[in-house]
Amino acid sequence: MSHAIDVAMTIGVLAQQAGVGVETIRFYQRKRLLREPKRAFGRIRHYDGSDVARVRFVKIAQGLGFSLSEIAELLLLDDGAHCTAARGLAEQKLDDVREKLNDLQRIEHVLSQLVQRCRGSRGTVSCPLIDSLHAT
């Protein structure tokens, strides 16, 4: 972990540091994944390093396939005392991924067979792939 001094930053700097757009920051605020700091004496809002870390957490979790509502649950569990609950969410996500992989393997197998049938039927009037799709 960095020992750099936390410097107050604008929403634009936060977005840049987190590798997202300003509208993404605002969207995360509307979804309550990120705090919306109060304006100091009517001035602009300021964010800090913890906000950068939180946005990055959300982006990484999204990359792993977690939905925004699942990410919100994970963020609620982010106090070090709820590892079992967090693991349960991750196990459910892993089950979902494995199910999708099985579906994709099945789809790949069927498409591979259809492509092979197309390659073997040159010069026919009817396309085997399109015929097969009509038949299902």
N, C-alpha and C. Protein backbone atom coordinates (compact mmCIF):
# COMPACT_ATOMS: atom_id res chain seq x y z
N MET A 1 0.84 -1.19 0.00
CA MET A 1 0.00 0.00 0.00
C MET A 1 0.88 1.24 0.00
N SER A 2 0.51 2.23 -0.74
CA SER A 2 1.29 3.45 -0.86
C SER A 2 1.16 4.29 0.41
N HIS A 3 2.25 4.98 0.73
CA HIS A 3 2.25 5.86 1.89
C HIS A 3 2.16 7.33 1.47
N ALA A 4 1.70 7.55 0.24
CA ALA A 4 1.58 8.92 -0.26
C ALA A 4 0.51 9.66 0.53
N ILE A 5 0.68 10.95 0.63
CA ILE A 5 -0.29 11.80 1.33
C ILE A 5 -1.55 11.87 0.49
N ASP A 6 -2.71 11.68 1.14
CA ASP A 6 -3.98 11.78 0.44
C ASP A 6 -4.26 13.23 0.09
N VAL A 7 -4.36 13.51 -1.19
CA VAL A 7 -4.60 14.86 -1.66
C VAL A 7 -6.05 14.94 -2.12
N ALA A 8 -6.73 16.01 -1.75
CA ALA A 8 -8.10 16.21 -2.20
C ALA A 8 -8.08 16.40 -3.71
N MET A 9 -9.01 15.75 -4.39
CA MET A 9 -9.05 15.84 -5.84
C MET A 9 -10.46 16.10 -6.33
N THR A 10 -10.55 16.69 -7.48
CA THR A 10 -11.85 16.95 -8.10
C THR A 10 -12.37 15.66 -8.73
N ILE A 11 -13.61 15.69 -9.17
CA ILE A 11 -14.20 14.51 -9.81
C ILE A 11 -13.43 14.14 -11.08
N GLY A 12 -12.94 15.13 -11.80
CA GLY A 12 -12.17 14.85 -13.01
C GLY A 12 -10.87 14.13 -12.72
N VAL A 13 -10.18 14.57 -11.66
CA VAL A 13 -8.93 13.93 -11.27
C VAL A 13 -9.22 12.52 -10.74
N LEU A 14 -10.27 12.39 -9.96
CA LEU A 14 -10.67 11.06 -9.47
C LEU A 14 -10.91 10.12 -10.65
N ALA A 15 -11.67 10.57 -11.63
CA ALA A 15 -11.97 9.74 -12.79
C ALA A 15 -10.68 9.33 -13.50
N GLN A 16 -9.79 10.28 -13.68
CA GLN A 16 -8.53 10.00 -14.36
C GLN A 16 -7.70 8.99 -13.56
N GLN A 17 -7.58 9.20 -12.26
CA GLN A 17 -6.80 8.31 -11.41
C GLN A 17 -7.39 6.89 -11.39
N ALA A 18 -8.70 6.79 -11.47
CA ALA A 18 -9.38 5.48 -11.42
C ALA A 18 -9.50 4.84 -12.80
N GLY A 19 -9.19 5.61 -13.85
CA GLY A 19 -9.25 5.06 -15.21
C GLY A 19 -10.66 4.94 -15.76
N VAL A 20 -11.55 5.84 -15.34
CA VAL A 20 -12.93 5.84 -15.82
C VAL A 20 -13.31 7.26 -16.24
N GLY A 21 -14.49 7.42 -16.78
CA GLY A 21 -14.98 8.74 -17.13
C GLY A 21 -15.73 9.38 -15.96
N VAL A 22 -15.90 10.68 -16.05
CA VAL A 22 -16.62 11.43 -15.01
C VAL A 22 -18.05 10.90 -14.89
N GLU A 23 -18.67 10.57 -16.03
CA GLU A 23 -20.05 10.06 -15.97
C GLU A 23 -20.12 8.72 -15.23
N THR A 24 -19.07 7.93 -15.31
CA THR A 24 -19.02 6.67 -14.56
C THR A 24 -19.02 6.96 -13.06
N ILE A 25 -18.26 7.96 -12.65
CA ILE A 25 -18.23 8.35 -11.23
C ILE A 25 -19.64 8.76 -10.80
N ARG A 26 -20.28 9.59 -11.59
CA ARG A 26 -21.64 10.04 -11.23
C ARG A 26 -22.62 8.87 -11.20
N PHE A 27 -22.48 7.95 -12.16
CA PHE A 27 -23.34 6.77 -12.20
C PHE A 27 -23.15 5.94 -10.92
N TYR A 28 -21.91 5.71 -10.51
CA TYR A 28 -21.64 4.95 -9.29
C TYR A 28 -22.22 5.67 -8.07
N GLN A 29 -22.21 6.98 -8.09
CA GLN A 29 -22.81 7.72 -6.98
C GLN A 29 -24.33 7.52 -6.96
N ARG A 30 -24.95 7.59 -8.13
CA ARG A 30 -26.41 7.37 -8.18
C ARG A 30 -26.77 5.96 -7.72
N LYS A 31 -25.91 5.00 -7.99
CA LYS A 31 -26.14 3.61 -7.58
C LYS A 31 -25.68 3.35 -6.14
N ARG A 32 -25.18 4.40 -5.50
CA ARG A 32 -24.70 4.33 -4.11
C ARG A 32 -23.52 3.38 -3.91
N LEU A 33 -22.71 3.26 -4.95
CA LEU A 33 -21.48 2.49 -4.85
C LEU A 33 -20.32 3.38 -4.42
N LEU A 34 -20.52 4.68 -4.54
CA LEU A 34 -19.49 5.66 -4.20
C LEU A 34 -20.16 6.84 -3.52
N ARG A 35 -19.53 7.32 -2.48
CA ARG A 35 -20.09 8.46 -1.75
C ARG A 35 -20.06 9.71 -2.62
N GLU A 36 -20.93 10.60 -2.33
CA GLU A 36 -20.91 11.92 -2.96
C GLU A 36 -20.56 12.90 -1.86
N PRO A 37 -19.30 13.38 -1.85
CA PRO A 37 -18.88 14.25 -0.75
C PRO A 37 -19.63 15.58 -0.74
N LYS A 38 -19.76 16.11 0.42
CA LYS A 38 -20.41 17.42 0.56
C LYS A 38 -19.50 18.49 -0.02
N ARG A 39 -20.12 19.56 -0.45
CA ARG A 39 -19.35 20.70 -0.96
C ARG A 39 -18.85 21.51 0.23
N ALA A 40 -17.58 21.77 0.25
CA ALA A 40 -17.00 22.57 1.33
C ALA A 40 -17.32 24.04 1.10
N PHE A 41 -18.20 24.58 1.91
CA PHE A 41 -18.58 25.99 1.83
C PHE A 41 -19.01 26.40 0.42
N GLY A 42 -19.86 25.59 -0.20
CA GLY A 42 -20.39 25.92 -1.51
C GLY A 42 -19.41 25.73 -2.65
N ARG A 43 -18.28 25.16 -2.36
CA ARG A 43 -17.28 24.96 -3.40
C ARG A 43 -17.43 23.59 -4.03
N ILE A 44 -16.46 23.21 -4.83
CA ILE A 44 -16.52 21.92 -5.52
C ILE A 44 -16.29 20.77 -4.53
N ARG A 45 -16.77 19.63 -4.92
CA ARG A 45 -16.59 18.44 -4.09
C ARG A 45 -15.15 17.94 -4.23
N HIS A 46 -14.65 17.37 -3.15
CA HIS A 46 -13.30 16.82 -3.18
C HIS A 46 -13.33 15.35 -2.78
N TYR A 47 -12.53 14.58 -3.48
CA TYR A 47 -12.41 13.14 -3.26
C TYR A 47 -11.00 12.85 -2.78
N ASP A 48 -10.79 11.61 -2.31
CA ASP A 48 -9.45 11.24 -1.85
C ASP A 48 -9.07 9.86 -2.38
N GLY A 49 -7.94 9.38 -1.93
CA GLY A 49 -7.43 8.09 -2.40
C GLY A 49 -8.36 6.92 -2.13
N SER A 50 -9.12 6.99 -1.06
CA SER A 50 -10.05 5.89 -0.77
C SER A 50 -11.15 5.81 -1.83
N ASP A 51 -11.50 6.96 -2.40
CA ASP A 51 -12.50 6.96 -3.48
C ASP A 51 -11.92 6.32 -4.75
N VAL A 52 -10.65 6.60 -5.03
CA VAL A 52 -9.99 5.97 -6.18
C VAL A 52 -9.99 4.45 -5.99
N ALA A 53 -9.61 4.01 -4.80
CA ALA A 53 -9.57 2.58 -4.51
C ALA A 53 -10.96 1.94 -4.66
N ARG A 54 -11.97 2.64 -4.23
CA ARG A 54 -13.34 2.10 -4.31
C ARG A 54 -13.79 1.97 -5.76
N VAL A 55 -13.52 2.98 -6.58
CA VAL A 55 -13.89 2.91 -8.00
C VAL A 55 -13.14 1.76 -8.67
N ARG A 56 -11.88 1.62 -8.37
CA ARG A 56 -11.10 0.51 -8.95
C ARG A 56 -11.66 -0.83 -8.51
N PHE A 57 -12.05 -0.94 -7.24
CA PHE A 57 -12.67 -2.16 -6.72
C PHE A 57 -13.91 -2.51 -7.55
N VAL A 58 -14.76 -1.51 -7.79
CA VAL A 58 -15.99 -1.73 -8.55
C VAL A 58 -15.65 -2.21 -9.96
N LYS A 59 -14.69 -1.57 -10.61
CA LYS A 59 -14.32 -1.94 -11.98
C LYS A 59 -13.76 -3.36 -12.04
N ILE A 60 -12.91 -3.72 -11.08
CA ILE A 60 -12.35 -5.07 -11.06
C ILE A 60 -13.45 -6.10 -10.83
N ALA A 61 -14.35 -5.81 -9.90
CA ALA A 61 -15.46 -6.73 -9.62
C ALA A 61 -16.35 -6.89 -10.85
N GLN A 62 -16.60 -5.80 -11.56
CA GLN A 62 -17.38 -5.88 -12.79
C GLN A 62 -16.67 -6.77 -13.81
N GLY A 63 -15.35 -6.62 -13.89
CA GLY A 63 -14.57 -7.43 -14.81
C GLY A 63 -14.64 -8.91 -14.49
N LEU A 64 -14.91 -9.24 -13.24
CA LEU A 64 -15.06 -10.63 -12.83
C LEU A 64 -16.49 -11.12 -12.99
N GLY A 65 -17.36 -10.25 -13.50
CA GLY A 65 -18.72 -10.67 -13.79
C GLY A 65 -19.74 -10.34 -12.71
N PHE A 66 -19.33 -9.66 -11.66
CA PHE A 66 -20.29 -9.30 -10.62
C PHE A 66 -21.17 -8.16 -11.12
N SER A 67 -22.46 -8.25 -10.81
CA SER A 67 -23.40 -7.18 -11.15
C SER A 67 -23.21 -6.03 -10.16
N LEU A 68 -23.78 -4.89 -10.48
CA LEU A 68 -23.66 -3.75 -9.56
C LEU A 68 -24.31 -4.04 -8.21
N SER A 69 -25.42 -4.77 -8.20
CA SER A 69 -26.05 -5.09 -6.92
C SER A 69 -25.18 -6.06 -6.12
N GLU A 70 -24.52 -7.00 -6.80
CA GLU A 70 -23.62 -7.91 -6.10
C GLU A 70 -22.40 -7.15 -5.57
N ILE A 71 -21.92 -6.18 -6.33
CA ILE A 71 -20.80 -5.35 -5.89
C ILE A 71 -21.20 -4.55 -4.66
N ALA A 72 -22.41 -4.03 -4.66
CA ALA A 72 -22.90 -3.30 -3.48
C ALA A 72 -22.88 -4.20 -2.25
N GLU A 73 -23.28 -5.47 -2.43
CA GLU A 73 -23.24 -6.42 -1.31
C GLU A 73 -21.80 -6.63 -0.84
N LEU A 74 -20.88 -6.81 -1.79
CA LEU A 74 -19.48 -7.01 -1.43
C LEU A 74 -18.93 -5.80 -0.67
N LEU A 75 -19.31 -4.61 -1.12
CA LEU A 75 -18.83 -3.40 -0.45
C LEU A 75 -19.35 -3.32 0.99
N LEU A 76 -20.56 -3.79 1.21
CA LEU A 76 -21.11 -3.81 2.58
C LEU A 76 -20.34 -4.79 3.47
N LEU A 77 -19.76 -5.79 2.85
CA LEU A 77 -19.03 -6.82 3.61
C LEU A 77 -17.55 -6.47 3.78
N ASP A 78 -17.13 -5.33 3.27
CA ASP A 78 -15.72 -4.95 3.25
C ASP A 78 -15.25 -4.35 4.57
N ASP A 79 -15.38 -5.13 5.63
CA ASP A 79 -14.86 -4.66 6.92
C ASP A 79 -13.94 -5.71 7.56
N GLY A 80 -13.66 -6.78 6.81
CA GLY A 80 -12.76 -7.82 7.31
C GLY A 80 -13.42 -8.86 8.18
N ALA A 81 -14.68 -8.63 8.56
CA ALA A 81 -15.35 -9.56 9.47
C ALA A 81 -16.37 -10.44 8.76
N HIS A 82 -16.52 -10.27 7.49
CA HIS A 82 -17.56 -11.00 6.75
C HIS A 82 -16.99 -11.84 5.62
N CYS A 83 -15.85 -12.43 5.84
CA CYS A 83 -15.18 -13.19 4.79
C CYS A 83 -16.04 -14.37 4.32
N THR A 84 -16.73 -15.01 5.23
CA THR A 84 -17.56 -16.16 4.88
C THR A 84 -18.68 -15.74 3.93
N ALA A 85 -19.33 -14.63 4.22
CA ALA A 85 -20.40 -14.14 3.36
C ALA A 85 -19.86 -13.73 1.99
N ALA A 86 -18.71 -13.07 1.98
CA ALA A 86 -18.09 -12.66 0.71
C ALA A 86 -17.71 -13.89 -0.11
N ARG A 87 -17.17 -14.89 0.56
CA ARG A 87 -16.82 -16.13 -0.13
C ARG A 87 -18.06 -16.78 -0.73
N GLY A 88 -19.17 -16.73 0.00
CA GLY A 88 -20.42 -17.29 -0.52
C GLY A 88 -20.86 -16.61 -1.80
N LEU A 89 -20.73 -15.29 -1.85
CA LEU A 89 -21.06 -14.57 -3.08
C LEU A 89 -20.13 -14.98 -4.22
N ALA A 90 -18.84 -15.11 -3.91
CA ALA A 90 -17.87 -15.50 -4.93
C ALA A 90 -18.13 -16.93 -5.41
N GLU A 91 -18.50 -17.82 -4.49
CA GLU A 91 -18.80 -19.20 -4.88
C GLU A 91 -20.01 -19.26 -5.80
N GLN A 92 -21.02 -18.45 -5.51
CA GLN A 92 -22.20 -18.39 -6.37
C GLN A 92 -21.82 -17.87 -7.75
N LYS A 93 -20.97 -16.85 -7.80
CA LYS A 93 -20.51 -16.30 -9.08
C LYS A 93 -19.72 -17.35 -9.84
N LEU A 94 -18.88 -18.10 -9.15
CA LEU A 94 -18.10 -19.17 -9.78
C LEU A 94 -19.03 -20.23 -10.36
N ASP A 95 -20.07 -20.62 -9.64
CA ASP A 95 -21.05 -21.57 -10.16
C ASP A 95 -21.71 -21.03 -11.42
N ASP A 96 -22.07 -19.74 -11.40
CA ASP A 96 -22.68 -19.11 -12.58
C ASP A 96 -21.73 -19.14 -13.78
N VAL A 97 -20.47 -18.84 -13.54
CA VAL A 97 -19.47 -18.83 -14.61
C VAL A 97 -19.31 -20.23 -15.19
N ARG A 98 -19.24 -21.23 -14.32
CA ARG A 98 -19.10 -22.61 -14.80
C ARG A 98 -20.31 -23.03 -15.63
N GLU A 99 -21.49 -22.61 -15.22
CA GLU A 99 -22.70 -22.92 -15.98
C GLU A 99 -22.65 -22.26 -17.36
N LYS A 100 -22.21 -21.02 -17.40
CA LYS A 100 -22.08 -20.31 -18.68
C LYS A 100 -21.04 -20.98 -19.57
N LEU A 101 -19.93 -21.43 -18.97
CA LEU A 101 -18.91 -22.13 -19.74
C LEU A 101 -19.47 -23.40 -20.36
N ASN A 102 -20.23 -24.15 -19.58
CA ASN A 102 -20.86 -25.36 -20.12
C ASN A 102 -21.79 -25.03 -21.28
N ASP A 103 -22.58 -23.96 -21.12
CA ASP A 103 -23.47 -23.53 -22.20
C ASP A 103 -22.67 -23.14 -23.44
N LEU A 104 -21.58 -22.40 -23.24
CA LEU A 104 -20.75 -21.97 -24.37
C LEU A 104 -20.09 -23.17 -25.06
N GLN A 105 -19.67 -24.17 -24.30
CA GLN A 105 -19.08 -25.37 -24.90
C GLN A 105 -20.11 -26.12 -25.73
N ARG A 106 -21.34 -26.18 -25.23
CA ARG A 106 -22.41 -26.83 -25.99
C ARG A 106 -22.68 -26.07 -27.28
N ILE A 107 -22.74 -24.75 -27.19
CA ILE A 107 -22.97 -23.91 -28.37
C ILE A 107 -21.84 -24.08 -29.37
N GLU A 108 -20.59 -24.10 -28.86
CA GLU A 108 -19.44 -24.28 -29.75
C GLU A 108 -19.55 -25.61 -30.49
N HIS A 109 -19.91 -26.65 -29.79
CA HIS A 109 -20.02 -27.98 -30.41
C HIS A 109 -21.06 -27.98 -31.53
N VAL A 110 -22.22 -27.44 -31.26
CA VAL A 110 -23.30 -27.40 -32.27
C VAL A 110 -22.88 -26.56 -33.47
N LEU A 111 -22.32 -25.37 -33.21
CA LEU A 111 -21.89 -24.51 -34.32
C LEU A 111 -20.79 -25.15 -35.14
N SER A 112 -19.87 -25.82 -34.48
CA SER A 112 -18.79 -26.52 -35.18
C SER A 112 -19.36 -27.58 -36.13
N GLN A 113 -20.34 -28.33 -35.65
CA GLN A 113 -20.98 -29.34 -36.51
C GLN A 113 -21.69 -28.69 -37.70
N LEU A 114 -22.37 -27.58 -37.45
CA LEU A 114 -23.08 -26.90 -38.53
C LEU A 114 -22.10 -26.35 -39.57
N VAL A 115 -20.99 -25.79 -39.12
CA VAL A 115 -19.99 -25.27 -40.05
C VAL A 115 -19.41 -26.41 -40.89
N GLN A 116 -19.15 -27.53 -40.26
CA GLN A 116 -18.63 -28.69 -41.00
C GLN A 116 -19.63 -29.16 -42.06
N ARG A 117 -20.89 -29.16 -41.71
CA ARG A 117 -21.92 -29.56 -42.68
C ARG A 117 -21.95 -28.60 -43.86
N CYS A 118 -21.76 -27.32 -43.58
CA CYS A 118 -21.74 -26.33 -44.67
C CYS A 118 -20.55 -26.55 -45.59
N ARG A 119 -19.40 -26.87 -45.01
CA ARG A 119 -18.20 -27.09 -45.82
C ARG A 119 -18.36 -28.30 -46.72
N GLY A 120 -19.13 -29.28 -46.28
CA GLY A 120 -19.28 -30.51 -47.04
C GLY A 120 -20.41 -30.49 -48.04
N SER A 121 -21.10 -29.40 -48.19
CA SER A 121 -22.27 -29.40 -49.08
C SER A 121 -22.17 -28.33 -50.15
N ARG A 122 -21.03 -28.24 -50.78
CA ARG A 122 -20.85 -27.23 -51.83
C ARG A 122 -21.76 -27.52 -53.02
N GLY A 123 -22.33 -26.48 -53.57
CA GLY A 123 -23.12 -26.60 -54.77
C GLY A 123 -24.57 -27.00 -54.55
N THR A 124 -24.97 -27.20 -53.28
CA THR A 124 -26.37 -27.55 -53.07
C THR A 124 -27.20 -26.27 -53.06
N VAL A 125 -28.48 -26.41 -53.29
CA VAL A 125 -29.37 -25.27 -53.35
C VAL A 125 -29.65 -24.73 -51.95
N SER A 126 -29.79 -25.62 -50.98
CA SER A 126 -30.17 -25.23 -49.63
C SER A 126 -28.97 -25.30 -48.70
N CYS A 127 -28.79 -24.30 -47.86
CA CYS A 127 -27.67 -24.24 -46.91
C CYS A 127 -27.99 -25.11 -45.69
N PRO A 128 -27.15 -26.09 -45.37
CA PRO A 128 -27.40 -26.97 -44.22
C PRO A 128 -27.51 -26.21 -42.89
N LEU A 129 -26.71 -25.15 -42.72
CA LEU A 129 -26.76 -24.40 -41.49
C LEU A 129 -28.12 -23.74 -41.32
N ILE A 130 -28.57 -23.08 -42.34
CA ILE A 130 -29.88 -22.37 -42.27
C ILE A 130 -31.00 -23.40 -42.15
N ASP A 131 -30.89 -24.52 -42.87
CA ASP A 131 -31.91 -25.57 -42.73
C ASP A 131 -31.97 -26.09 -41.30
N SER A 132 -30.82 -26.30 -40.68
CA SER A 132 -30.78 -26.80 -39.31
C SER A 132 -31.42 -25.82 -38.33
N LEU A 133 -31.18 -24.55 -38.56
CA LEU A 133 -31.78 -23.54 -37.66
C LEU A 133 -33.28 -23.48 -37.83
N HIS A 134 -33.77 -23.70 -39.05
CA HIS A 134 -35.22 -23.73 -39.27
C HIS A 134 -35.85 -24.93 -38.60
N ALA A 135 -35.09 -26.02 -38.53
CA ALA A 135 -35.64 -27.27 -37.98
C ALA A 135 -35.74 -27.26 -36.47
N THR A 136 -35.03 -26.36 -35.79
CA THR A 136 -35.06 -26.38 -34.32
C THR A 136 -36.12 -25.49 -33.75
